[in-house]
Amino acid sequence: WRWDRRVCVVDGGEMANPTCGIGGRFEAKARHSSRPNVTRPRFIEARMTNGSVGTANREQRTPMKLAVIGTGYVGLVSGTCFADSGNQVVCVDIDEHKVQQLNDGQPPISAPGLEELVRRGVRAGRLTFTLDSAAAVADAEAVFVCVGTPPAADGGPDLSYVFKAVEDIARTMETPKTVVMKSTVPVGTASEVRSRMEALTSVPFEVISNPEFLKEGAAV
């Protein structure tokens, strides 16, 4: 099949994602690929009032419930962007003052566009911050581990914060989870995480690796 520029989410007759670069109202019609022997999604062909054409998936995505453990640069930016995409996100931190700041819409780190997105997510009720890891994990379908891995005395990464985070998840989760490792960790960490969690819970879970590649100063 052929893509006519970029994929955008269609919402109420307008292109909802401003980053697509094609805004305005549109007239939509369904179309199929003619390519044989391929499982084809259906798309919306959106013809804009300015004459440009874009495509979007016909079926809107169902928002996910996500938990993000750690609100440093990686966790805060990731969680905020997930919420701005329409998902329900709860971010966890151990610093009470920082959590209060964030719930007031005041991020403690600077990144172009971040403060606006945090405030928008908090106002919309899609983005909340808490000290309570168990409550955040309870309703989450996926839990992103974004805690720090500072240098250890031997020069390698200190994984104690990662292991504490995943062990806390294992002890408190009552429904199946996808645990997403976003912290910067060495090869083999996911296997160790799985072993530690299996020792603490019989609830099914998956561990996947999703390393961060955020550019500082332009992460949003």
N, C-alpha and C. Protein backbone atom coordinates (compact mmCIF):
# COMPACT_ATOMS: atom_id res chain seq x y z
N TRP A 1 0.82 -1.20 0.00
CA TRP A 1 0.00 0.00 0.00
C TRP A 1 0.86 1.25 0.00
N ARG A 2 0.26 2.38 -0.21
CA ARG A 2 1.03 3.62 -0.33
C ARG A 2 0.61 4.60 0.75
N TRP A 3 1.60 5.25 1.32
CA TRP A 3 1.33 6.29 2.32
C TRP A 3 1.37 7.65 1.64
N ASP A 4 0.38 8.49 1.89
CA ASP A 4 0.38 9.85 1.37
C ASP A 4 0.89 10.81 2.44
N ARG A 5 2.13 10.89 2.66
CA ARG A 5 2.75 11.73 3.68
C ARG A 5 2.79 11.01 5.02
N ARG A 6 2.21 11.59 6.08
CA ARG A 6 2.41 11.04 7.41
C ARG A 6 1.12 10.52 8.01
N VAL A 7 1.26 9.61 8.99
CA VAL A 7 0.08 9.07 9.66
C VAL A 7 -0.31 10.01 10.79
N CYS A 8 -1.58 10.35 10.85
CA CYS A 8 -2.09 11.22 11.90
C CYS A 8 -3.30 10.57 12.55
N VAL A 9 -3.57 10.94 13.79
CA VAL A 9 -4.76 10.44 14.47
C VAL A 9 -5.92 11.36 14.12
N VAL A 10 -7.03 10.77 13.70
CA VAL A 10 -8.19 11.55 13.33
C VAL A 10 -9.09 11.71 14.53
N ASP A 11 -9.47 12.92 14.83
CA ASP A 11 -10.29 13.16 16.02
C ASP A 11 -11.34 14.20 15.71
N GLY A 12 -12.57 13.77 15.59
CA GLY A 12 -13.68 14.70 15.43
C GLY A 12 -13.60 15.55 14.19
N GLY A 13 -13.06 15.02 13.10
CA GLY A 13 -13.04 15.79 11.87
C GLY A 13 -11.83 16.67 11.70
N GLU A 14 -10.84 16.58 12.58
CA GLU A 14 -9.62 17.37 12.44
C GLU A 14 -8.42 16.48 12.68
N MET A 15 -7.28 16.87 12.13
CA MET A 15 -6.07 16.14 12.42
C MET A 15 -5.64 16.53 13.83
N ALA A 16 -5.63 15.54 14.74
CA ALA A 16 -5.39 15.83 16.15
C ALA A 16 -3.93 16.04 16.48
N ASN A 17 -3.03 15.51 15.67
CA ASN A 17 -1.61 15.59 15.97
C ASN A 17 -0.97 16.73 15.20
N PRO A 18 -0.63 17.84 15.88
CA PRO A 18 -0.08 18.99 15.17
C PRO A 18 1.28 18.73 14.55
N THR A 19 1.99 17.70 15.01
CA THR A 19 3.32 17.43 14.47
C THR A 19 3.26 16.84 13.07
N CYS A 20 2.06 16.46 12.62
CA CYS A 20 1.96 15.88 11.29
C CYS A 20 2.21 16.92 10.21
N GLY A 21 2.05 18.16 10.57
CA GLY A 21 2.32 19.21 9.60
C GLY A 21 1.19 19.44 8.62
N ILE A 22 0.05 18.80 8.82
CA ILE A 22 -1.09 19.06 7.95
C ILE A 22 -2.32 19.21 8.82
N GLY A 23 -2.62 20.43 9.19
CA GLY A 23 -3.75 20.70 10.07
C GLY A 23 -4.97 21.07 9.27
N GLY A 24 -6.02 21.49 9.99
CA GLY A 24 -7.25 21.91 9.32
C GLY A 24 -8.27 20.82 9.24
N ARG A 25 -9.43 21.14 8.72
CA ARG A 25 -10.50 20.17 8.59
C ARG A 25 -10.33 19.38 7.30
N PHE A 26 -11.02 18.26 7.21
CA PHE A 26 -10.82 17.42 6.04
C PHE A 26 -12.10 16.68 5.67
N GLU A 27 -12.11 16.18 4.47
CA GLU A 27 -13.16 15.26 4.02
C GLU A 27 -12.52 13.88 3.95
N ALA A 28 -13.10 12.91 4.63
CA ALA A 28 -12.45 11.60 4.73
C ALA A 28 -13.23 10.53 3.98
N LYS A 29 -12.49 9.61 3.40
CA LYS A 29 -13.11 8.46 2.77
C LYS A 29 -12.22 7.25 2.97
N ALA A 30 -12.84 6.09 3.14
CA ALA A 30 -12.08 4.86 3.36
C ALA A 30 -11.51 4.38 2.04
N ARG A 31 -10.33 3.76 2.11
CA ARG A 31 -9.77 3.13 0.92
C ARG A 31 -8.98 1.91 1.32
N HIS A 32 -8.84 0.99 0.41
CA HIS A 32 -8.10 -0.24 0.64
C HIS A 32 -6.91 -0.31 -0.31
N SER A 33 -5.92 -1.08 0.08
CA SER A 33 -4.84 -1.38 -0.84
C SER A 33 -5.31 -2.42 -1.85
N SER A 34 -4.78 -2.34 -3.03
CA SER A 34 -5.09 -3.35 -4.03
C SER A 34 -4.00 -4.40 -4.11
N ARG A 35 -2.99 -4.27 -3.28
CA ARG A 35 -1.89 -5.22 -3.31
C ARG A 35 -2.39 -6.59 -2.84
N PRO A 36 -2.20 -7.65 -3.63
CA PRO A 36 -2.76 -8.96 -3.27
C PRO A 36 -1.96 -9.66 -2.18
N ASN A 37 -2.66 -10.60 -1.52
CA ASN A 37 -2.04 -11.51 -0.55
C ASN A 37 -1.34 -10.80 0.59
N VAL A 38 -1.87 -9.66 1.01
CA VAL A 38 -1.29 -8.93 2.12
C VAL A 38 -2.41 -8.59 3.09
N THR A 39 -2.16 -8.79 4.37
CA THR A 39 -3.15 -8.36 5.36
C THR A 39 -3.09 -6.84 5.44
N ARG A 40 -4.14 -6.18 5.08
CA ARG A 40 -4.08 -4.74 4.92
C ARG A 40 -4.89 -4.03 6.00
N PRO A 41 -4.32 -3.01 6.62
CA PRO A 41 -5.13 -2.15 7.47
C PRO A 41 -5.99 -1.25 6.61
N ARG A 42 -7.02 -0.72 7.18
CA ARG A 42 -7.81 0.28 6.45
C ARG A 42 -7.28 1.66 6.83
N PHE A 43 -7.31 2.53 5.89
CA PHE A 43 -6.83 3.88 6.15
C PHE A 43 -7.91 4.89 5.80
N ILE A 44 -7.76 6.05 6.35
CA ILE A 44 -8.59 7.18 5.97
C ILE A 44 -7.77 8.08 5.06
N GLU A 45 -8.31 8.39 3.92
CA GLU A 45 -7.64 9.38 3.09
C GLU A 45 -8.24 10.73 3.45
N ALA A 46 -7.43 11.61 3.95
CA ALA A 46 -7.91 12.89 4.44
C ALA A 46 -7.49 14.00 3.48
N ARG A 47 -8.44 14.56 2.80
CA ARG A 47 -8.13 15.63 1.86
C ARG A 47 -8.39 16.96 2.55
N MET A 48 -7.32 17.69 2.76
CA MET A 48 -7.40 18.91 3.53
C MET A 48 -7.99 20.04 2.70
N THR A 49 -8.50 21.05 3.43
CA THR A 49 -9.07 22.20 2.74
C THR A 49 -8.01 22.97 1.97
N ASN A 50 -6.74 22.80 2.38
CA ASN A 50 -5.68 23.51 1.66
C ASN A 50 -5.14 22.69 0.49
N GLY A 51 -5.79 21.53 0.22
CA GLY A 51 -5.40 20.73 -0.94
C GLY A 51 -4.42 19.63 -0.67
N SER A 52 -3.82 19.60 0.54
CA SER A 52 -2.87 18.55 0.83
C SER A 52 -3.61 17.29 1.23
N VAL A 53 -2.90 16.15 1.19
CA VAL A 53 -3.52 14.87 1.48
C VAL A 53 -2.70 14.15 2.53
N GLY A 54 -3.37 13.57 3.51
CA GLY A 54 -2.69 12.77 4.53
C GLY A 54 -3.47 11.50 4.74
N THR A 55 -2.86 10.52 5.45
CA THR A 55 -3.57 9.29 5.75
C THR A 55 -3.52 9.03 7.23
N ALA A 56 -4.53 8.34 7.73
CA ALA A 56 -4.56 8.00 9.15
C ALA A 56 -5.20 6.64 9.33
N ASN A 57 -4.82 5.97 10.38
CA ASN A 57 -5.42 4.69 10.67
C ASN A 57 -6.89 4.88 10.96
N ARG A 58 -7.72 4.02 10.39
CA ARG A 58 -9.15 4.18 10.54
C ARG A 58 -9.59 3.99 11.98
N GLU A 59 -8.96 3.04 12.68
CA GLU A 59 -9.35 2.75 14.04
C GLU A 59 -8.50 3.56 15.01
N GLN A 60 -9.16 4.32 15.89
CA GLN A 60 -8.43 5.09 16.88
C GLN A 60 -7.86 4.14 17.93
N ARG A 61 -6.69 4.48 18.45
CA ARG A 61 -6.06 3.65 19.46
C ARG A 61 -6.78 3.78 20.80
N THR A 62 -6.83 2.70 21.57
CA THR A 62 -7.38 2.75 22.91
C THR A 62 -6.28 3.22 23.86
N PRO A 63 -6.54 4.26 24.65
CA PRO A 63 -5.51 4.74 25.57
C PRO A 63 -5.08 3.64 26.53
N MET A 64 -3.80 3.60 26.87
CA MET A 64 -3.28 2.63 27.82
C MET A 64 -3.08 3.27 29.17
N LYS A 65 -3.10 2.43 30.20
CA LYS A 65 -2.76 2.88 31.55
C LYS A 65 -1.31 2.50 31.80
N LEU A 66 -0.48 3.51 32.05
CA LEU A 66 0.96 3.31 32.17
C LEU A 66 1.45 3.83 33.51
N ALA A 67 2.48 3.18 34.04
CA ALA A 67 3.19 3.69 35.21
C ALA A 67 4.63 3.93 34.81
N VAL A 68 5.21 5.00 35.31
CA VAL A 68 6.61 5.32 35.04
C VAL A 68 7.32 5.46 36.38
N ILE A 69 8.31 4.63 36.62
CA ILE A 69 9.04 4.66 37.89
C ILE A 69 10.30 5.51 37.70
N GLY A 70 10.31 6.66 38.35
CA GLY A 70 11.43 7.59 38.22
C GLY A 70 11.05 8.79 37.38
N THR A 71 11.26 9.99 37.90
CA THR A 71 10.91 11.20 37.14
C THR A 71 12.13 12.08 36.91
N GLY A 72 13.24 11.42 36.56
CA GLY A 72 14.39 12.17 36.10
C GLY A 72 14.15 12.60 34.66
N TYR A 73 15.21 12.90 33.96
CA TYR A 73 15.06 13.41 32.59
C TYR A 73 14.32 12.41 31.71
N VAL A 74 14.71 11.14 31.79
CA VAL A 74 14.11 10.12 30.93
C VAL A 74 12.66 9.85 31.33
N GLY A 75 12.42 9.59 32.61
CA GLY A 75 11.09 9.24 33.06
C GLY A 75 10.08 10.35 32.89
N LEU A 76 10.48 11.56 33.22
CA LEU A 76 9.55 12.69 33.14
C LEU A 76 9.19 13.01 31.69
N VAL A 77 10.18 13.07 30.83
CA VAL A 77 9.91 13.37 29.43
C VAL A 77 9.08 12.25 28.79
N SER A 78 9.46 11.01 29.05
CA SER A 78 8.73 9.88 28.47
C SER A 78 7.29 9.85 28.95
N GLY A 79 7.09 9.93 30.27
CA GLY A 79 5.74 9.87 30.83
C GLY A 79 4.87 11.02 30.35
N THR A 80 5.46 12.21 30.27
CA THR A 80 4.70 13.37 29.82
C THR A 80 4.27 13.23 28.37
N CYS A 81 5.16 12.74 27.53
CA CYS A 81 4.81 12.55 26.12
C CYS A 81 3.80 11.43 25.92
N PHE A 82 3.91 10.37 26.74
CA PHE A 82 2.89 9.31 26.67
C PHE A 82 1.52 9.89 27.01
N ALA A 83 1.46 10.72 28.04
CA ALA A 83 0.19 11.31 28.45
C ALA A 83 -0.34 12.26 27.37
N ASP A 84 0.56 13.00 26.76
CA ASP A 84 0.12 13.94 25.72
C ASP A 84 -0.38 13.21 24.48
N SER A 85 -0.01 11.92 24.34
CA SER A 85 -0.50 11.11 23.23
C SER A 85 -1.87 10.51 23.53
N GLY A 86 -2.40 10.79 24.73
CA GLY A 86 -3.74 10.34 25.08
C GLY A 86 -3.79 9.22 26.10
N ASN A 87 -2.63 8.75 26.57
CA ASN A 87 -2.62 7.66 27.54
C ASN A 87 -2.79 8.18 28.97
N GLN A 88 -3.17 7.28 29.86
CA GLN A 88 -3.31 7.62 31.28
C GLN A 88 -2.02 7.23 31.97
N VAL A 89 -1.30 8.21 32.52
CA VAL A 89 0.05 7.95 33.03
C VAL A 89 0.17 8.39 34.49
N VAL A 90 0.74 7.50 35.31
CA VAL A 90 1.09 7.84 36.68
C VAL A 90 2.59 7.69 36.83
N CYS A 91 3.26 8.78 37.23
CA CYS A 91 4.71 8.76 37.42
C CYS A 91 5.03 8.70 38.92
N VAL A 92 6.04 7.93 39.26
CA VAL A 92 6.39 7.69 40.66
C VAL A 92 7.77 8.27 40.96
N ASP A 93 7.88 8.91 42.12
CA ASP A 93 9.19 9.38 42.58
C ASP A 93 9.22 9.28 44.10
N ILE A 94 10.41 9.29 44.69
CA ILE A 94 10.54 9.19 46.14
C ILE A 94 10.70 10.56 46.80
N ASP A 95 10.81 11.61 45.99
CA ASP A 95 11.01 12.97 46.50
C ASP A 95 9.65 13.67 46.60
N GLU A 96 9.19 13.88 47.83
CA GLU A 96 7.85 14.45 48.05
C GLU A 96 7.73 15.85 47.48
N HIS A 97 8.76 16.67 47.67
CA HIS A 97 8.71 18.04 47.15
C HIS A 97 8.63 18.05 45.63
N LYS A 98 9.39 17.18 45.00
CA LYS A 98 9.39 17.09 43.54
C LYS A 98 8.02 16.64 43.03
N VAL A 99 7.42 15.67 43.69
CA VAL A 99 6.09 15.19 43.29
C VAL A 99 5.07 16.32 43.38
N GLN A 100 5.14 17.11 44.46
CA GLN A 100 4.20 18.22 44.62
C GLN A 100 4.40 19.26 43.51
N GLN A 101 5.67 19.56 43.22
CA GLN A 101 5.98 20.50 42.14
C GLN A 101 5.37 20.04 40.81
N LEU A 102 5.54 18.79 40.52
CA LEU A 102 5.07 18.25 39.25
C LEU A 102 3.55 18.24 39.18
N ASN A 103 2.89 17.90 40.29
CA ASN A 103 1.43 17.94 40.30
C ASN A 103 0.90 19.36 40.18
N ASP A 104 1.76 20.34 40.49
CA ASP A 104 1.41 21.75 40.30
C ASP A 104 1.77 22.23 38.90
N GLY A 105 2.29 21.32 38.08
CA GLY A 105 2.64 21.68 36.71
C GLY A 105 3.97 22.39 36.57
N GLN A 106 4.89 22.13 37.50
CA GLN A 106 6.19 22.82 37.48
C GLN A 106 7.32 21.79 37.44
N PRO A 107 7.75 21.40 36.25
CA PRO A 107 8.84 20.41 36.16
C PRO A 107 10.15 21.00 36.68
N PRO A 108 10.94 20.19 37.43
CA PRO A 108 12.20 20.69 37.98
C PRO A 108 13.34 20.70 36.98
N ILE A 109 13.12 20.18 35.79
CA ILE A 109 14.16 20.19 34.76
C ILE A 109 13.68 21.02 33.58
N SER A 110 14.63 21.47 32.81
CA SER A 110 14.30 22.35 31.68
C SER A 110 14.48 21.61 30.37
N ALA A 111 13.44 21.64 29.55
CA ALA A 111 13.51 21.09 28.19
C ALA A 111 12.47 21.85 27.39
N PRO A 112 12.82 22.33 26.20
CA PRO A 112 11.88 23.11 25.41
C PRO A 112 10.55 22.38 25.21
N GLY A 113 9.46 23.03 25.63
CA GLY A 113 8.12 22.47 25.45
C GLY A 113 7.65 21.58 26.57
N LEU A 114 8.55 21.17 27.47
CA LEU A 114 8.18 20.20 28.51
C LEU A 114 7.17 20.78 29.50
N GLU A 115 7.41 21.98 29.98
CA GLU A 115 6.52 22.56 30.99
C GLU A 115 5.09 22.68 30.48
N GLU A 116 4.94 23.09 29.25
CA GLU A 116 3.60 23.20 28.66
C GLU A 116 2.91 21.85 28.60
N LEU A 117 3.65 20.81 28.21
CA LEU A 117 3.06 19.47 28.11
C LEU A 117 2.70 18.92 29.48
N VAL A 118 3.55 19.17 30.48
CA VAL A 118 3.24 18.71 31.85
C VAL A 118 1.96 19.37 32.33
N ARG A 119 1.87 20.68 32.17
CA ARG A 119 0.66 21.39 32.63
C ARG A 119 -0.58 20.91 31.90
N ARG A 120 -0.45 20.67 30.61
CA ARG A 120 -1.59 20.22 29.82
C ARG A 120 -2.05 18.84 30.28
N GLY A 121 -1.08 17.94 30.53
CA GLY A 121 -1.43 16.60 30.99
C GLY A 121 -2.06 16.60 32.36
N VAL A 122 -1.53 17.42 33.27
CA VAL A 122 -2.07 17.51 34.62
C VAL A 122 -3.49 18.08 34.59
N ARG A 123 -3.68 19.14 33.81
CA ARG A 123 -5.02 19.75 33.72
C ARG A 123 -6.04 18.77 33.15
N ALA A 124 -5.61 17.98 32.18
CA ALA A 124 -6.52 17.03 31.54
C ALA A 124 -6.77 15.78 32.39
N GLY A 125 -5.99 15.61 33.45
CA GLY A 125 -6.14 14.44 34.31
C GLY A 125 -5.50 13.19 33.75
N ARG A 126 -4.71 13.33 32.69
CA ARG A 126 -4.04 12.17 32.10
C ARG A 126 -2.67 11.92 32.72
N LEU A 127 -2.15 12.91 33.44
CA LEU A 127 -0.79 12.81 33.98
C LEU A 127 -0.81 13.16 35.46
N THR A 128 -0.44 12.21 36.30
CA THR A 128 -0.36 12.45 37.74
C THR A 128 0.97 11.95 38.27
N PHE A 129 1.34 12.46 39.43
CA PHE A 129 2.61 12.12 40.06
C PHE A 129 2.34 11.69 41.50
N THR A 130 3.05 10.66 41.94
CA THR A 130 2.77 10.10 43.26
C THR A 130 4.03 9.53 43.91
N LEU A 131 3.96 9.37 45.24
CA LEU A 131 5.00 8.68 45.99
C LEU A 131 4.68 7.19 46.11
N ASP A 132 3.46 6.83 45.80
CA ASP A 132 2.93 5.48 46.04
C ASP A 132 3.15 4.57 44.84
N SER A 133 4.22 3.83 44.85
CA SER A 133 4.55 2.95 43.74
C SER A 133 3.51 1.85 43.57
N ALA A 134 3.04 1.28 44.68
CA ALA A 134 2.08 0.18 44.61
C ALA A 134 0.79 0.61 43.94
N ALA A 135 0.31 1.80 44.27
CA ALA A 135 -0.94 2.30 43.67
C ALA A 135 -0.75 2.56 42.18
N ALA A 136 0.41 3.08 41.81
CA ALA A 136 0.68 3.37 40.39
C ALA A 136 0.73 2.10 39.57
N VAL A 137 1.36 1.07 40.13
CA VAL A 137 1.53 -0.19 39.42
C VAL A 137 0.22 -0.97 39.33
N ALA A 138 -0.64 -0.82 40.34
CA ALA A 138 -1.85 -1.64 40.44
C ALA A 138 -2.70 -1.63 39.18
N ASP A 139 -2.95 -0.45 38.62
CA ASP A 139 -3.84 -0.34 37.46
C ASP A 139 -3.10 -0.32 36.12
N ALA A 140 -1.77 -0.29 36.17
CA ALA A 140 -1.00 -0.12 34.94
C ALA A 140 -0.94 -1.41 34.12
N GLU A 141 -1.03 -1.24 32.81
CA GLU A 141 -0.82 -2.37 31.90
C GLU A 141 0.68 -2.57 31.64
N ALA A 142 1.41 -1.45 31.57
CA ALA A 142 2.86 -1.49 31.37
C ALA A 142 3.52 -0.57 32.37
N VAL A 143 4.66 -1.00 32.88
CA VAL A 143 5.41 -0.20 33.86
C VAL A 143 6.80 0.08 33.29
N PHE A 144 7.11 1.35 33.13
CA PHE A 144 8.41 1.76 32.59
C PHE A 144 9.36 2.04 33.75
N VAL A 145 10.50 1.38 33.75
CA VAL A 145 11.51 1.59 34.78
C VAL A 145 12.53 2.59 34.25
N CYS A 146 12.54 3.77 34.86
CA CYS A 146 13.38 4.88 34.37
C CYS A 146 14.22 5.46 35.50
N VAL A 147 14.71 4.60 36.36
CA VAL A 147 15.51 5.07 37.49
C VAL A 147 16.97 5.21 37.08
N GLY A 148 17.73 5.91 37.91
CA GLY A 148 19.13 6.18 37.59
C GLY A 148 20.03 4.95 37.77
N THR A 149 21.10 4.95 37.02
CA THR A 149 22.13 3.90 37.16
C THR A 149 23.49 4.60 37.26
N PRO A 150 23.76 5.23 38.39
CA PRO A 150 25.02 5.98 38.53
C PRO A 150 26.23 5.06 38.56
N PRO A 151 27.42 5.60 38.36
CA PRO A 151 28.62 4.76 38.39
C PRO A 151 28.84 4.14 39.77
N ALA A 152 29.19 2.87 39.79
CA ALA A 152 29.51 2.20 41.05
C ALA A 152 31.00 2.40 41.36
N ALA A 153 31.41 1.92 42.50
CA ALA A 153 32.80 2.09 42.92
C ALA A 153 33.78 1.43 41.96
N ASP A 154 33.33 0.34 41.31
CA ASP A 154 34.23 -0.37 40.39
C ASP A 154 34.19 0.20 38.97
N GLY A 155 33.43 1.27 38.79
CA GLY A 155 33.36 1.90 37.47
C GLY A 155 32.18 1.45 36.63
N GLY A 156 31.57 0.34 37.01
CA GLY A 156 30.38 -0.14 36.29
C GLY A 156 29.14 0.58 36.79
N PRO A 157 27.99 0.32 36.18
CA PRO A 157 26.75 0.98 36.60
C PRO A 157 26.21 0.36 37.89
N ASP A 158 25.70 1.20 38.75
CA ASP A 158 25.05 0.76 39.98
C ASP A 158 23.60 0.42 39.66
N LEU A 159 23.26 -0.86 39.67
CA LEU A 159 21.92 -1.30 39.29
C LEU A 159 20.98 -1.48 40.49
N SER A 160 21.40 -1.01 41.66
CA SER A 160 20.60 -1.23 42.86
C SER A 160 19.22 -0.57 42.76
N TYR A 161 19.16 0.61 42.14
CA TYR A 161 17.86 1.29 42.01
C TYR A 161 16.94 0.54 41.03
N VAL A 162 17.53 -0.02 40.00
CA VAL A 162 16.75 -0.81 39.05
C VAL A 162 16.17 -2.05 39.73
N PHE A 163 17.03 -2.77 40.46
CA PHE A 163 16.58 -4.00 41.10
C PHE A 163 15.54 -3.71 42.19
N LYS A 164 15.71 -2.61 42.91
CA LYS A 164 14.71 -2.27 43.93
C LYS A 164 13.36 -1.96 43.27
N ALA A 165 13.41 -1.23 42.15
CA ALA A 165 12.18 -0.87 41.46
C ALA A 165 11.42 -2.11 40.98
N VAL A 166 12.14 -3.03 40.34
CA VAL A 166 11.45 -4.21 39.79
C VAL A 166 11.00 -5.16 40.88
N GLU A 167 11.76 -5.23 41.97
CA GLU A 167 11.34 -6.08 43.09
C GLU A 167 10.09 -5.52 43.75
N ASP A 168 10.00 -4.19 43.86
CA ASP A 168 8.78 -3.56 44.39
C ASP A 168 7.58 -3.85 43.49
N ILE A 169 7.82 -3.79 42.17
CA ILE A 169 6.74 -4.11 41.22
C ILE A 169 6.27 -5.54 41.44
N ALA A 170 7.20 -6.48 41.54
CA ALA A 170 6.86 -7.89 41.70
C ALA A 170 6.08 -8.15 42.99
N ARG A 171 6.48 -7.48 44.06
CA ARG A 171 5.82 -7.71 45.36
C ARG A 171 4.38 -7.19 45.38
N THR A 172 4.10 -6.15 44.61
CA THR A 172 2.79 -5.50 44.73
C THR A 172 1.83 -5.80 43.59
N MET A 173 2.31 -6.28 42.46
CA MET A 173 1.40 -6.45 41.31
C MET A 173 0.48 -7.65 41.52
N GLU A 174 -0.77 -7.48 41.12
CA GLU A 174 -1.78 -8.53 41.27
C GLU A 174 -2.36 -8.96 39.93
N THR A 175 -1.99 -8.25 38.87
CA THR A 175 -2.45 -8.59 37.52
C THR A 175 -1.23 -8.62 36.60
N PRO A 176 -1.31 -9.30 35.46
CA PRO A 176 -0.16 -9.38 34.55
C PRO A 176 0.32 -8.00 34.11
N LYS A 177 1.63 -7.87 34.01
CA LYS A 177 2.25 -6.60 33.62
C LYS A 177 3.30 -6.81 32.53
N THR A 178 3.53 -5.74 31.80
CA THR A 178 4.70 -5.66 30.93
C THR A 178 5.66 -4.69 31.59
N VAL A 179 6.82 -5.16 31.95
CA VAL A 179 7.83 -4.32 32.60
C VAL A 179 8.84 -3.88 31.54
N VAL A 180 8.94 -2.59 31.36
CA VAL A 180 9.75 -2.03 30.28
C VAL A 180 11.00 -1.38 30.86
N MET A 181 12.16 -1.92 30.51
CA MET A 181 13.42 -1.38 31.03
C MET A 181 13.89 -0.23 30.15
N LYS A 182 13.79 0.98 30.69
CA LYS A 182 14.24 2.15 29.94
C LYS A 182 15.50 2.75 30.54
N SER A 183 15.83 2.34 31.74
CA SER A 183 17.09 2.78 32.36
C SER A 183 18.26 2.28 31.52
N THR A 184 19.38 2.98 31.61
CA THR A 184 20.58 2.57 30.89
C THR A 184 21.27 1.45 31.66
N VAL A 185 21.23 0.25 31.10
CA VAL A 185 21.75 -0.93 31.81
C VAL A 185 22.59 -1.78 30.86
N PRO A 186 23.50 -2.59 31.40
CA PRO A 186 24.34 -3.45 30.54
C PRO A 186 23.58 -4.67 30.03
N VAL A 187 24.13 -5.29 29.02
CA VAL A 187 23.56 -6.52 28.46
C VAL A 187 23.43 -7.57 29.55
N GLY A 188 22.30 -8.26 29.57
CA GLY A 188 22.08 -9.30 30.56
C GLY A 188 21.22 -8.85 31.72
N THR A 189 20.95 -7.55 31.83
CA THR A 189 20.17 -7.04 32.96
C THR A 189 18.73 -7.55 32.92
N ALA A 190 18.15 -7.63 31.73
CA ALA A 190 16.76 -8.09 31.62
C ALA A 190 16.60 -9.51 32.18
N SER A 191 17.59 -10.38 31.94
CA SER A 191 17.53 -11.74 32.46
C SER A 191 17.59 -11.75 33.98
N GLU A 192 18.44 -10.88 34.52
CA GLU A 192 18.55 -10.78 35.98
C GLU A 192 17.26 -10.22 36.58
N VAL A 193 16.68 -9.24 35.90
CA VAL A 193 15.41 -8.67 36.36
C VAL A 193 14.33 -9.74 36.38
N ARG A 194 14.25 -10.52 35.32
CA ARG A 194 13.24 -11.60 35.26
C ARG A 194 13.43 -12.59 36.41
N SER A 195 14.67 -12.98 36.68
CA SER A 195 14.94 -13.94 37.75
C SER A 195 14.53 -13.40 39.11
N ARG A 196 14.84 -12.13 39.33
CA ARG A 196 14.50 -11.53 40.63
C ARG A 196 12.99 -11.41 40.80
N MET A 197 12.29 -11.08 39.72
CA MET A 197 10.84 -10.94 39.81
C MET A 197 10.16 -12.30 39.97
N GLU A 198 10.66 -13.31 39.26
CA GLU A 198 10.08 -14.66 39.36
C GLU A 198 10.21 -15.22 40.77
N ALA A 199 11.23 -14.78 41.50
CA ALA A 199 11.42 -15.26 42.86
C ALA A 199 10.43 -14.63 43.84
N LEU A 200 9.74 -13.56 43.38
CA LEU A 200 8.87 -12.81 44.28
C LEU A 200 7.40 -12.86 43.91
N THR A 201 7.06 -13.34 42.71
CA THR A 201 5.66 -13.34 42.30
C THR A 201 5.36 -14.52 41.37
N SER A 202 4.11 -14.96 41.43
CA SER A 202 3.64 -15.98 40.50
C SER A 202 2.73 -15.38 39.44
N VAL A 203 2.53 -14.05 39.51
CA VAL A 203 1.70 -13.36 38.53
C VAL A 203 2.48 -13.26 37.21
N PRO A 204 1.85 -13.56 36.09
CA PRO A 204 2.57 -13.50 34.80
C PRO A 204 3.05 -12.08 34.48
N PHE A 205 4.20 -11.99 33.85
CA PHE A 205 4.74 -10.69 33.43
C PHE A 205 5.70 -10.90 32.28
N GLU A 206 5.97 -9.83 31.58
CA GLU A 206 6.97 -9.83 30.52
C GLU A 206 7.98 -8.73 30.83
N VAL A 207 9.23 -8.98 30.48
CA VAL A 207 10.28 -7.96 30.61
C VAL A 207 10.79 -7.64 29.22
N ILE A 208 10.74 -6.39 28.85
CA ILE A 208 11.26 -5.98 27.54
C ILE A 208 12.23 -4.82 27.71
N SER A 209 13.11 -4.67 26.77
CA SER A 209 14.10 -3.60 26.81
C SER A 209 13.74 -2.52 25.80
N ASN A 210 13.69 -1.29 26.27
CA ASN A 210 13.35 -0.15 25.43
C ASN A 210 14.29 1.00 25.80
N PRO A 211 15.59 0.88 25.42
CA PRO A 211 16.58 1.88 25.85
C PRO A 211 16.20 3.28 25.43
N GLU A 212 16.58 4.23 26.25
CA GLU A 212 16.27 5.63 25.91
C GLU A 212 17.35 6.19 24.98
N PHE A 213 16.88 7.00 24.03
CA PHE A 213 17.81 7.70 23.14
C PHE A 213 17.40 9.16 23.05
N LEU A 214 17.05 9.73 24.20
CA LEU A 214 16.59 11.12 24.22
C LEU A 214 17.77 12.06 24.06
N LYS A 215 17.56 13.10 23.28
CA LYS A 215 18.59 14.11 23.09
C LYS A 215 18.36 15.21 24.11
N GLU A 216 19.32 15.39 25.00
CA GLU A 216 19.16 16.39 26.05
C GLU A 216 19.02 17.78 25.44
N GLY A 217 17.99 18.47 25.89
CA GLY A 217 17.71 19.81 25.36
C GLY A 217 16.74 19.80 24.21
N ALA A 218 16.46 18.62 23.65
CA ALA A 218 15.49 18.52 22.54
C ALA A 218 14.74 17.21 22.62
N ALA A 219 14.53 16.70 23.84
CA ALA A 219 13.93 15.37 24.02
C ALA A 219 12.47 15.35 23.63
N VAL A 220 11.74 16.43 23.92
CA VAL A 220 10.31 16.45 23.61
C VAL A 220 10.08 16.39 22.11
